Amino acid sequence: MPTYDYECQSCGHHFEARQSMKDPHLTDCPQESCAGPVKRKIGVGAGFIFKGSGFYITDYRSDSYKAAAKKDSDSSSSSSSSSPAPSTPAPAAAPAKAATTV
């Protein structure tokens, strides 16, 4: 249920009320010493609050897509494991010193 902000037109009292969207607006101030008319204020509403490590488009992939991706990753990992290990490059030769003439 949404929360609505109200303000009394007589005493200036601000308060909130949880109401259904179908409920009628409140008309009287809840203060004991005041029974003045209240006006519902326009609020900004509540924003979205995302909690957790993150939300990604891949979180909502179809089961068929996930199965095809798993099959593809399994076939590529088995073919890469049979390839020979990469050779290590030889160390680079030290640069030659330039001869200086006096």
Protein backbone atom coordinates (compact mmCIF):
# COMPACT_ATOMS: atom_id res chain seq x y z
CA MET A 1 0.00 0.00 0.00
CA PRO A 2 1.27 3.46 -0.80
CA THR A 3 2.04 6.09 1.80
CA TYR A 4 0.53 9.53 1.31
CA ASP A 5 1.68 12.82 2.85
CA TYR A 6 -0.92 15.18 4.30
CA GLU A 7 -0.78 18.72 5.71
CA CYS A 8 -3.36 20.40 7.89
CA GLN A 9 -4.56 23.72 6.46
CA SER A 10 -5.28 25.14 9.95
CA CYS A 11 -2.38 24.13 12.21
CA GLY A 12 0.23 23.12 9.60
CA HIS A 13 0.64 19.58 11.04
CA HIS A 14 2.40 17.20 8.60
CA PHE A 15 1.66 13.48 8.74
CA GLU A 16 1.72 10.33 6.62
CA ALA A 17 -1.03 7.79 6.08
CA ARG A 18 -0.86 4.32 4.52
CA GLN A 19 -3.90 3.96 2.32
CA SER A 20 -5.08 1.91 -0.57
CA MET A 21 -5.29 3.76 -3.87
CA LYS A 22 -9.05 3.17 -3.78
CA ASP A 23 -9.55 4.74 -0.32
CA PRO A 24 -10.97 8.27 -0.17
CA HIS A 25 -8.64 11.11 0.83
CA LEU A 26 -8.49 12.05 4.51
CA THR A 27 -10.37 15.22 5.39
CA ASP A 28 -9.72 15.96 9.09
CA CYS A 29 -6.51 16.68 11.01
CA PRO A 30 -5.59 13.86 13.47
CA GLN A 31 -4.38 16.33 16.16
CA GLU A 32 -6.67 16.35 19.20
CA SER A 33 -6.78 20.13 19.48
CA CYS A 34 -7.40 20.65 15.76
CA ALA A 35 -10.08 19.38 13.42
CA GLY A 36 -9.07 21.49 10.46
CA PRO A 37 -9.17 20.36 6.86
CA VAL A 38 -6.17 18.49 5.47
CA LYS A 39 -4.73 18.50 1.99
CA ARG A 40 -2.90 15.61 0.41
CA LYS A 41 0.52 16.69 -0.81
CA ILE A 42 2.14 15.52 -4.00
CA GLY A 43 5.03 13.22 -3.15
CA VAL A 44 7.96 11.97 -5.15
CA GLY A 45 7.11 8.36 -4.44
CA ALA A 46 9.49 5.57 -3.63
CA GLY A 47 12.40 4.67 -5.85
CA PHE A 48 13.73 1.24 -6.60
CA ILE A 49 16.23 -0.17 -4.16
CA PHE A 50 18.53 -2.80 -5.61
CA LYS A 51 20.25 -4.97 -3.03
CA GLY A 52 22.80 -7.65 -3.75
CA SER A 53 25.89 -8.08 -5.85
CA GLY A 54 24.25 -6.90 -9.06
CA PHE A 55 21.69 -7.53 -11.72
CA TYR A 56 22.73 -8.65 -15.17
CA ILE A 57 20.86 -9.41 -18.37
CA THR A 58 22.30 -12.93 -18.29
CA ASP A 59 20.38 -13.61 -15.05
CA TYR A 60 17.19 -13.98 -17.09
CA ARG A 61 18.36 -16.09 -20.03
CA SER A 62 16.14 -18.90 -21.28
CA ASP A 63 16.93 -22.51 -20.41
CA SER A 64 17.59 -23.38 -24.06
CA TYR A 65 20.16 -20.56 -24.32
CA LYS A 66 21.89 -21.72 -21.13
CA ALA A 67 22.05 -25.32 -22.42
CA ALA A 68 23.54 -24.23 -25.76
CA ALA A 69 26.08 -21.98 -24.04
CA LYS A 70 27.14 -24.80 -21.70
CA LYS A 71 27.53 -27.20 -24.65
CA ASP A 72 29.59 -24.59 -26.53
CA SER A 73 31.84 -23.85 -23.54
CA ASP A 74 32.38 -27.57 -22.86
CA SER A 75 33.46 -28.23 -26.47
CA SER A 76 35.80 -25.22 -26.56
CA SER A 77 37.44 -26.11 -23.22
CA SER A 78 38.13 -29.72 -24.31
CA SER A 79 39.70 -28.59 -27.62
CA SER A 80 41.90 -26.00 -25.92
CA SER A 81 43.23 -28.53 -23.40
CA SER A 82 44.56 -30.79 -26.20
CA SER A 83 46.61 -28.00 -27.81
CA PRO A 84 50.35 -27.92 -27.05
CA ALA A 85 51.61 -25.67 -24.30
CA PRO A 86 52.81 -22.29 -25.54
CA SER A 87 56.56 -21.96 -25.76
CA THR A 88 58.26 -19.31 -23.69
CA PRO A 89 59.99 -16.62 -25.72
CA ALA A 90 63.76 -16.24 -25.46
CA PRO A 91 64.95 -13.26 -23.45
CA ALA A 92 65.67 -10.16 -25.50
CA ALA A 93 69.29 -9.39 -26.25
CA ALA A 94 70.79 -6.47 -24.35
CA PRO A 95 71.03 -3.31 -26.45
CA ALA A 96 74.50 -2.62 -27.85
CA LYS A 97 76.32 0.41 -26.50
CA ALA A 98 76.95 3.10 -29.02
CA ALA A 99 80.59 3.99 -29.58
CA THR A 100 81.39 7.56 -28.68
CA THR A 101 84.21 9.53 -30.22
CA VAL A 102 85.94 12.33 -28.46
